[in-house]
Amino acid sequence: MTSYITKGDFYTSSIFVVINELTWEQISSKDQEAIEELIGERLAIQAGKKYDQDAQEGWEDAKEAGVEIYEISEEEYNLWREPLEHLYSQWLKDMEDEDIPAQDILAEVMRLADEGEKIDE
């Protein structure tokens, strides 16, 4: 599908499990406890490992298919990131205008991203 890929640390994705509250209330307490034991941090770590494995296999498949992969340097990454910095400020302003604690949310997102990187090590 493509002959070239630029590889960089451009995003963080979120994976989550949701259930309708009325549906959840119809599940027995015992079954709710069993479900809660299977999700949360335990599921997040397993899903992250699978996500990383799939990503590695994807890179290997691309190489085998002859795709040219260009990995950007940290200096180049900063050049890509700088023009987008205003989006963080705008998002923070928009959320604060809605009385949403955006600064706290962003701080927690960054903390969790850093924590996730430590798990990978």
PDB file of N, CA and C in Angstrom:
ATOM      1  N   MET A   1       0.815  -1.194   0.000  1.00  0.00           N
ATOM      2  CA  MET A   1       0.000   0.000   0.000  1.00  0.00           C
ATOM      3  C   MET A   1       0.859   1.258   0.000  1.00  0.00           C
ATOM      4  N   THR A   2       2.057   1.154   0.569  1.00  0.00           N
ATOM      5  CA  THR A   2       2.940   2.323   0.597  1.00  0.00           C
ATOM      6  C   THR A   2       4.374   1.865   0.437  1.00  0.00           C
ATOM      7  N   SER A   3       5.198   2.749   0.003  1.00  0.00           N
ATOM      8  CA  SER A   3       6.609   2.424  -0.169  1.00  0.00           C
ATOM      9  C   SER A   3       7.477   3.058   0.904  1.00  0.00           C
ATOM     10  N   TYR A   4       6.915   4.035   1.644  1.00  0.00           N
ATOM     11  CA  TYR A   4       7.687   4.769   2.635  1.00  0.00           C
ATOM     12  C   TYR A   4       6.867   4.976   3.904  1.00  0.00           C
ATOM     13  N   ILE A   5       7.544   4.872   5.052  1.00  0.00           N
ATOM     14  CA  ILE A   5       6.909   5.146   6.345  1.00  0.00           C
ATOM     15  C   ILE A   5       7.883   5.994   7.164  1.00  0.00           C
ATOM     16  N   THR A   6       7.372   7.023   7.804  1.00  0.00           N
ATOM     17  CA  THR A   6       8.161   7.785   8.750  1.00  0.00           C
ATOM     18  C   THR A   6       7.779   7.298  10.137  1.00  0.00           C
ATOM     19  N   LYS A   7       8.760   6.820  10.862  1.00  0.00           N
ATOM     20  CA  LYS A   7       8.524   6.269  12.197  1.00  0.00           C
ATOM     21  C   LYS A   7       8.916   7.300  13.243  1.00  0.00           C
ATOM     22  N   GLY A   8       7.967   7.636  14.083  1.00  0.00           N
ATOM     23  CA  GLY A   8       8.225   8.599  15.153  1.00  0.00           C
ATOM     24  C   GLY A   8       7.235   8.396  16.281  1.00  0.00           C
ATOM     25  N   ASP A   9       7.530   8.966  17.407  1.00  0.00           N
ATOM     26  CA  ASP A   9       6.667   8.853  18.582  1.00  0.00           C
ATOM     27  C   ASP A   9       5.657   9.994  18.551  1.00  0.00           C
ATOM     28  N   PHE A  10       4.632   9.835  17.695  1.00  0.00           N
ATOM     29  CA  PHE A  10       3.715  10.930  17.427  1.00  0.00           C
ATOM     30  C   PHE A  10       2.411  10.903  18.226  1.00  0.00           C
ATOM     31  N   TYR A  11       2.099   9.824  18.880  1.00  0.00           N
ATOM     32  CA  TYR A  11       0.773   9.750  19.471  1.00  0.00           C
ATOM     33  C   TYR A  11       0.757   8.830  20.682  1.00  0.00           C
ATOM     34  N   THR A  12      -0.304   8.935  21.418  1.00  0.00           N
ATOM     35  CA  THR A  12      -0.630   8.007  22.493  1.00  0.00           C
ATOM     36  C   THR A  12      -2.066   7.597  22.240  1.00  0.00           C
ATOM     37  N   SER A  13      -2.313   6.328  22.281  1.00  0.00           N
ATOM     38  CA  SER A  13      -3.687   5.891  22.048  1.00  0.00           C
ATOM     39  C   SER A  13      -4.300   5.414  23.355  1.00  0.00           C
ATOM     40  N   SER A  14      -5.596   5.488  23.422  1.00  0.00           N
ATOM     41  CA  SER A  14      -6.328   5.043  24.602  1.00  0.00           C
ATOM     42  C   SER A  14      -7.160   3.826  24.246  1.00  0.00           C
ATOM     43  N   ILE A  15      -7.104   2.861  25.115  1.00  0.00           N
ATOM     44  CA  ILE A  15      -7.929   1.665  24.966  1.00  0.00           C
ATOM     45  C   ILE A  15      -8.706   1.537  26.275  1.00  0.00           C
ATOM     46  N   PHE A  16     -10.009   1.378  26.181  1.00  0.00           N
ATOM     47  CA  PHE A  16     -10.787   1.314  27.405  1.00  0.00           C
ATOM     48  C   PHE A  16     -11.982   0.391  27.239  1.00  0.00           C
ATOM     49  N   VAL A  17     -12.526  -0.001  28.377  1.00  0.00           N
ATOM     50  CA  VAL A  17     -13.692  -0.877  28.423  1.00  0.00           C
ATOM     51  C   VAL A  17     -14.826  -0.068  29.040  1.00  0.00           C
ATOM     52  N   VAL A  18     -15.984  -0.105  28.398  1.00  0.00           N
ATOM     53  CA  VAL A  18     -17.144   0.616  28.917  1.00  0.00           C
ATOM     54  C   VAL A  18     -18.351  -0.322  28.943  1.00  0.00           C
ATOM     55  N   ILE A  19     -19.298   0.018  29.792  1.00  0.00           N
ATOM     56  CA  ILE A  19     -20.544  -0.741  29.852  1.00  0.00           C
ATOM     57  C   ILE A  19     -21.657   0.230  30.256  1.00  0.00           C
ATOM     58  N   ASN A  20     -22.794   0.015  29.707  1.00  0.00           N
ATOM     59  CA  ASN A  20     -23.964   0.807  30.060  1.00  0.00           C
ATOM     60  C   ASN A  20     -24.265   0.585  31.545  1.00  0.00           C
ATOM     61  N   GLU A  21     -24.505   1.670  32.271  1.00  0.00           N
ATOM     62  CA  GLU A  21     -24.737   1.577  33.709  1.00  0.00           C
ATOM     63  C   GLU A  21     -25.940   0.679  34.047  1.00  0.00           C
ATOM     64  N   LEU A  22     -27.009   0.773  33.262  1.00  0.00           N
ATOM     65  CA  LEU A  22     -28.186  -0.075  33.526  1.00  0.00           C
ATOM     66  C   LEU A  22     -27.858  -1.558  33.307  1.00  0.00           C
ATOM     67  N   THR A  23     -27.040  -1.827  32.307  1.00  0.00           N
ATOM     68  CA  THR A  23     -26.617  -3.212  32.061  1.00  0.00           C
ATOM     69  C   THR A  23     -25.748  -3.702  33.220  1.00  0.00           C
ATOM     70  N   TRP A  24     -24.814  -2.849  33.664  1.00  0.00           N
ATOM     71  CA  TRP A  24     -23.932  -3.211  34.771  1.00  0.00           C
ATOM     72  C   TRP A  24     -24.747  -3.548  36.027  1.00  0.00           C
ATOM     73  N   GLU A  25     -25.783  -2.775  36.286  1.00  0.00           N
ATOM     74  CA  GLU A  25     -26.609  -3.000  37.475  1.00  0.00           C
ATOM     75  C   GLU A  25     -27.364  -4.330  37.411  1.00  0.00           C
ATOM     76  N   GLN A  26     -27.544  -4.878  36.220  1.00  0.00           N
ATOM     77  CA  GLN A  26     -28.247  -6.155  36.068  1.00  0.00           C
ATOM     78  C   GLN A  26     -27.323  -7.355  36.304  1.00  0.00           C
ATOM     79  N   ILE A  27     -26.025  -7.101  36.402  1.00  0.00           N
ATOM     80  CA  ILE A  27     -25.051  -8.168  36.637  1.00  0.00           C
ATOM     81  C   ILE A  27     -24.912  -8.372  38.140  1.00  0.00           C
ATOM     82  N   SER A  28     -24.849  -9.617  38.561  1.00  0.00           N
ATOM     83  CA  SER A  28     -24.738  -9.905  40.000  1.00  0.00           C
ATOM     84  C   SER A  28     -23.441  -9.320  40.565  1.00  0.00           C
ATOM     85  N   SER A  29     -23.444  -9.031  41.868  1.00  0.00           N
ATOM     86  CA  SER A  29     -22.259  -8.476  42.537  1.00  0.00           C
ATOM     87  C   SER A  29     -21.061  -9.398  42.365  1.00  0.00           C
ATOM     88  N   LYS A  30     -21.302 -10.689  42.456  1.00  0.00           N
ATOM     89  CA  LYS A  30     -20.220 -11.674  42.312  1.00  0.00           C
ATOM     90  C   LYS A  30     -19.598 -11.580  40.912  1.00  0.00           C
ATOM     91  N   ASP A  31     -20.450 -11.484  39.898  1.00  0.00           N
ATOM     92  CA  ASP A  31     -19.950 -11.378  38.530  1.00  0.00           C
ATOM     93  C   ASP A  31     -19.290 -10.019  38.286  1.00  0.00           C
ATOM     94  N   GLN A  32     -19.816  -8.958  38.901  1.00  0.00           N
ATOM     95  CA  GLN A  32     -19.179  -7.651  38.788  1.00  0.00           C
ATOM     96  C   GLN A  32     -17.757  -7.700  39.363  1.00  0.00           C
ATOM     97  N   GLU A  33     -17.614  -8.344  40.510  1.00  0.00           N
ATOM     98  CA  GLU A  33     -16.284  -8.470  41.127  1.00  0.00           C
ATOM     99  C   GLU A  33     -15.343  -9.249  40.209  1.00  0.00           C
ATOM    100  N   ALA A  34     -15.836 -10.317  39.589  1.00  0.00           N
ATOM    101  CA  ALA A  34     -15.000 -11.121  38.689  1.00  0.00           C
ATOM    102  C   ALA A  34     -14.556 -10.289  37.487  1.00  0.00           C
ATOM    103  N   ILE A  35     -15.470  -9.515  36.956  1.00  0.00           N
ATOM    104  CA  ILE A  35     -15.141  -8.652  35.808  1.00  0.00           C
ATOM    105  C   ILE A  35     -14.109  -7.611  36.218  1.00  0.00           C
ATOM    106  N   GLU A  36     -14.313  -6.988  37.370  1.00  0.00           N
ATOM    107  CA  GLU A  36     -13.393  -5.949  37.835  1.00  0.00           C
ATOM    108  C   GLU A  36     -11.995  -6.493  38.072  1.00  0.00           C
ATOM    109  N   GLU A  37     -11.886  -7.769  38.445  1.00  0.00           N
ATOM    110  CA  GLU A  37     -10.565  -8.388  38.622  1.00  0.00           C
ATOM    111  C   GLU A  37      -9.858  -8.572  37.286  1.00  0.00           C
ATOM    112  N   LEU A  38     -10.618  -8.709  36.218  1.00  0.00           N
ATOM    113  CA  LEU A  38     -10.036  -8.960  34.898  1.00  0.00           C
ATOM    114  C   LEU A  38      -9.672  -7.692  34.141  1.00  0.00           C
ATOM    115  N   ILE A  39     -10.266  -6.566  34.534  1.00  0.00           N
ATOM    116  CA  ILE A  39     -10.001  -5.317  33.808  1.00  0.00           C
ATOM    117  C   ILE A  39      -9.075  -4.438  34.634  1.00  0.00           C
ATOM    118  N   GLY A  40      -9.005  -3.198  34.335  1.00  0.00           N
ATOM    119  CA  GLY A  40      -8.147  -2.277  35.076  1.00  0.00           C
ATOM    120  C   GLY A  40      -6.691  -2.424  34.668  1.00  0.00           C
ATOM    121  N   GLU A  41      -5.803  -2.260  35.621  1.00  0.00           N
ATOM    122  CA  GLU A  41      -4.365  -2.264  35.333  1.00  0.00           C
ATOM    123  C   GLU A  41      -3.920  -3.589  34.710  1.00  0.00           C
ATOM    124  N   ARG A  42      -4.443  -4.682  35.209  1.00  0.00           N
ATOM    125  CA  ARG A  42      -4.071  -5.999  34.673  1.00  0.00           C
ATOM    126  C   ARG A  42      -4.357  -6.088  33.173  1.00  0.00           C
ATOM    127  N   LEU A  43      -5.554  -5.722  32.771  1.00  0.00           N
ATOM    128  CA  LEU A  43      -5.929  -5.752  31.361  1.00  0.00           C
ATOM    129  C   LEU A  43      -5.123  -4.733  30.566  1.00  0.00           C
ATOM    130  N   ALA A  44      -4.901  -3.562  31.160  1.00  0.00           N
ATOM    131  CA  ALA A  44      -4.150  -2.516  30.468  1.00  0.00           C
ATOM    132  C   ALA A  44      -2.740  -2.989  30.138  1.00  0.00           C
ATOM    133  N   ILE A  45      -2.093  -3.656  31.074  1.00  0.00           N
ATOM    134  CA  ILE A  45      -0.733  -4.150  30.838  1.00  0.00           C
ATOM    135  C   ILE A  45      -0.738  -5.219  29.759  1.00  0.00           C
ATOM    136  N   GLN A  46      -1.681  -6.152  29.823  1.00  0.00           N
ATOM    137  CA  GLN A  46      -1.763  -7.204  28.803  1.00  0.00           C
ATOM    138  C   GLN A  46      -2.073  -6.622  27.431  1.00  0.00           C
ATOM    139  N   ALA A  47      -2.994  -5.687  27.374  1.00  0.00           N
ATOM    140  CA  ALA A  47      -3.356  -5.065  26.099  1.00  0.00           C
ATOM    141  C   ALA A  47      -2.173  -4.286  25.533  1.00  0.00           C
ATOM    142  N   GLY A  48      -1.454  -3.587  26.404  1.00  0.00           N
ATOM    143  CA  GLY A  48      -0.282  -2.840  25.967  1.00  0.00           C
ATOM    144  C   GLY A  48       0.791  -3.740  25.385  1.00  0.00           C
ATOM    145  N   LYS A  49       1.023  -4.867  26.034  1.00  0.00           N
ATOM    146  CA  LYS A  49       2.018  -5.826  25.523  1.00  0.00           C
ATOM    147  C   LYS A  49       1.600  -6.362  24.156  1.00  0.00           C
ATOM    148  N   LYS A  50       0.323  -6.676  23.997  1.00  0.00           N
ATOM    149  CA  LYS A  50      -0.182  -7.172  22.713  1.00  0.00           C
ATOM    150  C   LYS A  50      -0.089  -6.086  21.647  1.00  0.00           C
ATOM    151  N   TYR A  51      -0.418  -4.872  22.026  1.00  0.00           N
ATOM    152  CA  TYR A  51      -0.337  -3.735  21.107  1.00  0.00           C
ATOM    153  C   TYR A  51       1.106  -3.566  20.622  1.00  0.00           C
ATOM    154  N   ASP A  52       2.063  -3.633  21.565  1.00  0.00           N
ATOM    155  CA  ASP A  52       3.481  -3.508  21.216  1.00  0.00           C
ATOM    156  C   ASP A  52       3.934  -4.656  20.323  1.00  0.00           C
ATOM    157  N   GLN A  53       3.478  -5.876  20.636  1.00  0.00           N
ATOM    158  CA  GLN A  53       3.832  -7.041  19.819  1.00  0.00           C
ATOM    159  C   GLN A  53       3.304  -6.877  18.392  1.00  0.00           C
ATOM    160  N   ASP A  54       2.053  -6.470  18.273  1.00  0.00           N
ATOM    161  CA  ASP A  54       1.465  -6.266  16.943  1.00  0.00           C
ATOM    162  C   ASP A  54       2.201  -5.180  16.175  1.00  0.00           C
ATOM    163  N   ALA A  55       2.598  -4.122  16.881  1.00  0.00           N
ATOM    164  CA  ALA A  55       3.334  -3.035  16.231  1.00  0.00           C
ATOM    165  C   ALA A  55       4.672  -3.541  15.711  1.00  0.00           C
ATOM    166  N   GLN A  56       5.390  -4.314  16.533  1.00  0.00           N
ATOM    167  CA  GLN A  56       6.683  -4.855  16.112  1.00  0.00           C
ATOM    168  C   GLN A  56       6.518  -5.753  14.889  1.00  0.00           C
ATOM    169  N   GLU A  57       5.502  -6.593  14.916  1.00  0.00           N
ATOM    170  CA  GLU A  57       5.247  -7.473  13.763  1.00  0.00           C
ATOM    171  C   GLU A  57       4.917  -6.647  12.521  1.00  0.00           C
ATOM    172  N   GLY A  58       4.199  -5.554  12.708  1.00  0.00           N
ATOM    173  CA  GLY A  58       3.870  -4.674  11.583  1.00  0.00           C
ATOM    174  C   GLY A  58       5.122  -4.066  10.968  1.00  0.00           C
ATOM    175  N   TRP A  59       6.050  -3.611  11.831  1.00  0.00           N
ATOM    176  CA  TRP A  59       7.306  -3.046  11.318  1.00  0.00           C
ATOM    177  C   TRP A  59       8.100  -4.112  10.566  1.00  0.00           C
ATOM    178  N   GLU A  60       8.121  -5.316  11.113  1.00  0.00           N
ATOM    179  CA  GLU A  60       8.848  -6.405  10.454  1.00  0.00           C
ATOM    180  C   GLU A  60       8.207  -6.748   9.102  1.00  0.00           C
ATOM    181  N   ASP A  61       6.891  -6.788   9.069  1.00  0.00           N
ATOM    182  CA  ASP A  61       6.184  -7.066   7.813  1.00  0.00           C
ATOM    183  C   ASP A  61       6.477  -5.990   6.778  1.00  0.00           C
ATOM    184  N   ALA A  62       6.507  -4.739   7.223  1.00  0.00           N
ATOM    185  CA  ALA A  62       6.791  -3.632   6.306  1.00  0.00           C
ATOM    186  C   ALA A  62       8.193  -3.771   5.721  1.00  0.00           C
ATOM    187  N   LYS A  63       9.164  -4.092   6.584  1.00  0.00           N
ATOM    188  CA  LYS A  63      10.540  -4.273   6.110  1.00  0.00           C
ATOM    189  C   LYS A  63      10.619  -5.410   5.093  1.00  0.00           C
ATOM    190  N   GLU A  64       9.971  -6.521   5.416  1.00  0.00           N
ATOM    191  CA  GLU A  64       9.974  -7.680   4.509  1.00  0.00           C
ATOM    192  C   GLU A  64       9.336  -7.345   3.161  1.00  0.00           C
ATOM    193  N   ALA A  65       8.374  -6.435   3.176  1.00  0.00           N
ATOM    194  CA  ALA A  65       7.689  -6.042   1.945  1.00  0.00           C
ATOM    195  C   ALA A  65       8.486  -4.998   1.164  1.00  0.00           C
ATOM    196  N   GLY A  66       9.640  -4.614   1.691  1.00  0.00           N
ATOM    197  CA  GLY A  66      10.473  -3.651   0.988  1.00  0.00           C
ATOM    198  C   GLY A  66      10.117  -2.200   1.233  1.00  0.00           C
ATOM    199  N   VAL A  67       9.315  -1.937   2.247  1.00  0.00           N
ATOM    200  CA  VAL A  67       8.950  -0.561   2.574  1.00  0.00           C
ATOM    201  C   VAL A  67      10.166   0.129   3.189  1.00  0.00           C
ATOM    202  N   GLU A  68      10.445   1.336   2.735  1.00  0.00           N
ATOM    203  CA  GLU A  68      11.547   2.117   3.291  1.00  0.00           C
ATOM    204  C   GLU A  68      11.037   2.832   4.540  1.00  0.00           C
ATOM    205  N   ILE A  69      11.703   2.573   5.674  1.00  0.00           N
ATOM    206  CA  ILE A  69      11.279   3.143   6.956  1.00  0.00           C
ATOM    207  C   ILE A  69      12.306   4.175   7.386  1.00  0.00           C
ATOM    208  N   TYR A  70      11.834   5.390   7.594  1.00  0.00           N
ATOM    209  CA  TYR A  70      12.697   6.482   8.022  1.00  0.00           C
ATOM    210  C   TYR A  70      12.370   6.796   9.470  1.00  0.00           C
ATOM    211  N   GLU A  71      13.360   6.664  10.353  1.00  0.00           N
ATOM    212  CA  GLU A  71      13.155   6.984  11.767  1.00  0.00           C
ATOM    213  C   GLU A  71      13.688   8.384  12.034  1.00  0.00           C
ATOM    214  N   ILE A  72      12.810   9.241  12.520  1.00  0.00           N
ATOM    215  CA  ILE A  72      13.226  10.625  12.751  1.00  0.00           C
ATOM    216  C   ILE A  72      14.039  10.719  14.039  1.00  0.00           C
ATOM    217  N   SER A  73      14.954  11.667  14.071  1.00  0.00           N
ATOM    218  CA  SER A  73      15.776  11.913  15.256  1.00  0.00           C
ATOM    219  C   SER A  73      14.967  12.732  16.257  1.00  0.00           C
ATOM    220  N   GLU A  74      15.493  12.849  17.469  1.00  0.00           N
ATOM    221  CA  GLU A  74      14.820  13.662  18.480  1.00  0.00           C
ATOM    222  C   GLU A  74      14.743  15.126  18.024  1.00  0.00           C
ATOM    223  N   GLU A  75      15.791  15.591  17.379  1.00  0.00           N
ATOM    224  CA  GLU A  75      15.800  16.970  16.872  1.00  0.00           C
ATOM    225  C   GLU A  75      14.687  17.167  15.835  1.00  0.00           C
ATOM    226  N   GLU A  76      14.560  16.209  14.919  1.00  0.00           N
ATOM    227  CA  GLU A  76      13.500  16.304  13.905  1.00  0.00           C
ATOM    228  C   GLU A  76      12.126  16.200  14.544  1.00  0.00           C
ATOM    229  N   TYR A  77      11.999  15.318  15.542  1.00  0.00           N
ATOM    230  CA  TYR A  77      10.726  15.163  16.248  1.00  0.00           C
ATOM    231  C   TYR A  77      10.281  16.513  16.821  1.00  0.00           C
ATOM    232  N   ASN A  78      11.220  17.229  17.432  1.00  0.00           N
ATOM    233  CA  ASN A  78      10.895  18.536  18.008  1.00  0.00           C
ATOM    234  C   ASN A  78      10.453  19.517  16.932  1.00  0.00           C
ATOM    235  N   LEU A  79      11.034  19.420  15.741  1.00  0.00           N
ATOM    236  CA  LEU A  79      10.605  20.285  14.643  1.00  0.00           C
ATOM    237  C   LEU A  79       9.175  19.966  14.217  1.00  0.00           C
ATOM    238  N   TRP A  80       8.796  18.694  14.265  1.00  0.00           N
ATOM    239  CA  TRP A  80       7.427  18.283  13.932  1.00  0.00           C
ATOM    240  C   TRP A  80       6.469  18.751  15.022  1.00  0.00           C
ATOM    241  N   ARG A  81       6.938  18.692  16.259  1.00  0.00           N
ATOM    242  CA  ARG A  81       6.063  18.969  17.398  1.00  0.00           C
ATOM    243  C   ARG A  81       5.808  20.462  17.593  1.00  0.00           C
ATOM    244  N   GLU A  82       6.822  21.277  17.386  1.00  0.00           N
ATOM    245  CA  GLU A  82       6.705  22.709  17.667  1.00  0.00           C
ATOM    246  C   GLU A  82       5.489  23.373  17.017  1.00  0.00           C
ATOM    247  N   PRO A  83       5.199  23.133  15.733  1.00  0.00           N
ATOM    248  CA  PRO A  83       4.036  23.802  15.127  1.00  0.00           C
ATOM    249  C   PRO A  83       2.694  23.376  15.741  1.00  0.00           C
ATOM    250  N   LEU A  84       2.698  22.284  16.500  1.00  0.00           N
ATOM    251  CA  LEU A  84       1.454  21.785  17.087  1.00  0.00           C
ATOM    252  C   LEU A  84       1.265  22.191  18.544  1.00  0.00           C
ATOM    253  N   GLU A  85       2.280  22.794  19.133  1.00  0.00           N
ATOM    254  CA  GLU A  85       2.227  23.160  20.555  1.00  0.00           C
ATOM    255  C   GLU A  85       1.011  24.007  20.898  1.00  0.00           C
ATOM    256  N   HIS A  86       0.609  24.885  19.997  1.00  0.00           N
ATOM    257  CA  HIS A  86      -0.532  25.760  20.288  1.00  0.00           C
ATOM    258  C   HIS A  86      -1.822  24.966  20.526  1.00  0.00           C
ATOM    259  N   LEU A  87      -1.877  23.737  20.005  1.00  0.00           N
ATOM    260  CA  LEU A  87      -3.082  22.922  20.199  1.00  0.00           C
ATOM    261  C   LEU A  87      -3.278  22.561  21.665  1.00  0.00           C
ATOM    262  N   TYR A  88      -2.176  22.296  22.381  1.00  0.00           N
ATOM    263  CA  TYR A  88      -2.280  22.011  23.815  1.00  0.00           C
ATOM    264  C   TYR A  88      -2.867  23.221  24.542  1.00  0.00           C
ATOM    265  N   SER A  89      -2.311  24.387  24.252  1.00  0.00           N
ATOM    266  CA  SER A  89      -2.785  25.613  24.908  1.00  0.00           C
ATOM    267  C   SER A  89      -4.252  25.870  24.597  1.00  0.00           C
ATOM    268  N   GLN A  90      -4.627  25.689  23.343  1.00  0.00           N
ATOM    269  CA  GLN A  90      -6.019  25.929  22.948  1.00  0.00           C
ATOM    270  C   GLN A  90      -6.952  24.937  23.632  1.00  0.00           C
ATOM    271  N   TRP A  91      -6.546  23.656  23.692  1.00  0.00           N
ATOM    272  CA  TRP A  91      -7.372  22.635  24.350  1.00  0.00           C
ATOM    273  C   TRP A  91      -7.534  22.978  25.823  1.00  0.00           C
ATOM    274  N   LEU A  92      -6.430  23.345  26.469  1.00  0.00           N
ATOM    275  CA  LEU A  92      -6.508  23.716  27.882  1.00  0.00           C
ATOM    276  C   LEU A  92      -7.478  24.880  28.089  1.00  0.00           C
ATOM    277  N   LYS A  93      -7.367  25.896  27.256  1.00  0.00           N
ATOM    278  CA  LYS A  93      -8.255  27.058  27.373  1.00  0.00           C
ATOM    279  C   LYS A  93      -9.710  26.657  27.161  1.00  0.00           C
ATOM    280  N   ASP A  94      -9.970  25.870  26.103  1.00  0.00           N
ATOM    281  CA  ASP A  94     -11.338  25.457  25.800  1.00  0.00           C
ATOM    282  C   ASP A  94     -11.944  24.653  26.953  1.00  0.00           C
ATOM    283  N   MET A  95     -11.172  23.746  27.526  1.00  0.00           N
ATOM    284  CA  MET A  95     -11.675  22.913  28.623  1.00  0.00           C
ATOM    285  C   MET A  95     -11.893  23.745  29.889  1.00  0.00           C
ATOM    286  N   GLU A  96     -10.947  24.624  30.193  1.00  0.00           N
ATOM    287  CA  GLU A  96     -11.093  25.480  31.373  1.00  0.00           C
ATOM    288  C   GLU A  96     -12.313  26.388  31.221  1.00  0.00           C
ATOM    289  N   ASP A  97     -12.588  26.848  29.996  1.00  0.00           N
ATOM    290  CA  ASP A  97     -13.780  27.657  29.734  1.00  0.00           C
ATOM    291  C   ASP A  97     -15.051  26.877  30.035  1.00  0.00           C
ATOM    292  N   GLU A  98     -14.984  25.559  29.956  1.00  0.00           N
ATOM    293  CA  GLU A  98     -16.134  24.691  30.248  1.00  0.00           C
ATOM    294  C   GLU A  98     -16.118  24.200  31.698  1.00  0.00           C
ATOM    295  N   ASP A  99     -15.248  24.791  32.518  1.00  0.00           N
ATOM    296  CA  ASP A  99     -15.087  24.392  33.928  1.00  0.00           C
ATOM    297  C   ASP A  99     -14.634  22.941  34.083  1.00  0.00           C
ATOM    298  N   ILE A 100     -13.862  22.484  33.138  1.00  0.00           N
ATOM    299  CA  ILE A 100     -13.269  21.150  33.197  1.00  0.00           C
ATOM    300  C   ILE A 100     -11.826  21.334  33.655  1.00  0.00           C
ATOM    301  N   PRO A 101     -11.371  20.557  34.654  1.00  0.00           N
ATOM    302  CA  PRO A 101     -10.014  20.742  35.190  1.00  0.00           C
ATOM    303  C   PRO A 101      -8.940  20.220  34.220  1.00  0.00           C
ATOM    304  N   ALA A 102      -8.795  20.924  33.124  1.00  0.00           N
ATOM    305  CA  ALA A 102      -7.934  20.473  32.035  1.00  0.00           C
ATOM    306  C   ALA A 102      -6.480  20.307  32.456  1.00  0.00           C
ATOM    307  N   GLN A 103      -5.975  21.225  33.265  1.00  0.00           N
ATOM    308  CA  GLN A 103      -4.572  21.142  33.684  1.00  0.00           C
ATOM    309  C   GLN A 103      -4.333  19.853  34.472  1.00  0.00           C
ATOM    310  N   ASP A 104      -5.281  19.510  35.350  1.00  0.00           N
ATOM    311  CA  ASP A 104      -5.168  18.274  36.126  1.00  0.00           C
ATOM    312  C   ASP A 104      -5.257  17.051  35.213  1.00  0.00           C
ATOM    313  N   ILE A 105      -6.164  17.101  34.251  1.00  0.00           N
ATOM    314  CA  ILE A 105      -6.327  15.988  33.312  1.00  0.00           C
ATOM    315  C   ILE A 105      -5.058  15.794  32.493  1.00  0.00           C
ATOM    316  N   LEU A 106      -4.526  16.880  31.959  1.00  0.00           N
ATOM    317  CA  LEU A 106      -3.312  16.789  31.153  1.00  0.00           C
ATOM    318  C   LEU A 106      -2.145  16.266  31.988  1.00  0.00           C
ATOM    319  N   ALA A 107      -2.014  16.742  33.209  1.00  0.00           N
ATOM    320  CA  ALA A 107      -0.940  16.272  34.094  1.00  0.00           C
ATOM    321  C   ALA A 107      -1.065  14.769  34.338  1.00  0.00           C
ATOM    322  N   GLU A 108      -2.286  14.297  34.551  1.00  0.00           N
ATOM    323  CA  GLU A 108      -2.495  12.863  34.791  1.00  0.00           C
ATOM    324  C   GLU A 108      -2.212  12.049  33.538  1.00  0.00           C
ATOM    325  N   VAL A 109      -2.615  12.545  32.387  1.00  0.00           N
ATOM    326  CA  VAL A 109      -2.333  11.856  31.123  1.00  0.00           C
ATOM    327  C   VAL A 109      -0.825  11.730  30.934  1.00  0.00           C
ATOM    328  N   MET A 110      -0.101  12.799  31.181  1.00  0.00           N
ATOM    329  CA  MET A 110       1.350  12.778  31.023  1.00  0.00           C
ATOM    330  C   MET A 110       1.983  11.830  32.036  1.00  0.00           C
ATOM    331  N   ARG A 111       1.490  11.818  33.265  1.00  0.00           N
ATOM    332  CA  ARG A 111       2.006  10.913  34.296  1.00  0.00           C
ATOM    333  C   ARG A 111       1.796   9.459  33.883  1.00  0.00           C
ATOM    334  N   LEU A 112       0.598   9.158  33.400  1.00  0.00           N
ATOM    335  CA  LEU A 112       0.294   7.792  32.984  1.00  0.00           C
ATOM    336  C   LEU A 112       1.119   7.382  31.771  1.00  0.00           C
ATOM    337  N   ALA A 113       1.338   8.311  30.847  1.00  0.00           N
ATOM    338  CA  ALA A 113       2.173   8.011  29.678  1.00  0.00           C
ATOM    339  C   ALA A 113       3.593   7.685  30.129  1.00  0.00           C
ATOM    340  N   ASP A 114       4.128   8.471  31.061  1.00  0.00           N
ATOM    341  CA  ASP A 114       5.467   8.210  31.587  1.00  0.00           C
ATOM    342  C   ASP A 114       5.508   6.869  32.312  1.00  0.00           C
ATOM    343  N   GLU A 115       4.466   6.580  33.080  1.00  0.00           N
ATOM    344  CA  GLU A 115       4.387   5.323  33.810  1.00  0.00           C
ATOM    345  C   GLU A 115       4.343   4.153  32.828  1.00  0.00           C
ATOM    346  N   GLY A 116       3.608   4.306  31.748  1.00  0.00           N
ATOM    347  CA  GLY A 116       3.529   3.263  30.737  1.00  0.00           C
ATOM    348  C   GLY A 116       4.876   3.001  30.095  1.00  0.00           C
ATOM    349  N   GLU A 117       5.656   4.062  29.885  1.00  0.00           N
ATOM    350  CA  GLU A 117       6.981   3.901  29.308  1.00  0.00           C
ATOM    351  C   GLU A 117       7.881   3.127  30.257  1.00  0.00           C
ATOM    352  N   LYS A 118       7.715   3.320  31.563  1.00  0.00           N
ATOM    353  CA  LYS A 118       8.520   2.598  32.568  1.00  0.00           C
ATOM    354  C   LYS A 118       8.157   1.117  32.574  1.00  0.00           C
ATOM    355  N   ILE A 119       6.887   0.801  32.355  1.00  0.00           N
ATOM    356  CA  ILE A 119       6.444  -0.598  32.312  1.00  0.00           C
ATOM    357  C   ILE A 119       7.112  -1.320  31.151  1.00  0.00           C
ATOM    358  N   ASP A 120       7.275  -0.617  30.026  1.00  0.00           N
ATOM    359  CA  ASP A 120       7.889  -1.211  28.847  1.00  0.00           C
ATOM    360  C   ASP A 120       9.356  -1.539  29.047  1.00  0.00           C
ATOM    361  N   GLU A 121      10.011  -0.811  29.939  1.00  0.00           N
ATOM    362  CA  GLU A 121      11.465  -0.984  30.109  1.00  0.00           C
ATOM    363  C   GLU A 121      11.816  -2.259  30.792  1.00  0.00           C
TER     364      GLU A 121
END
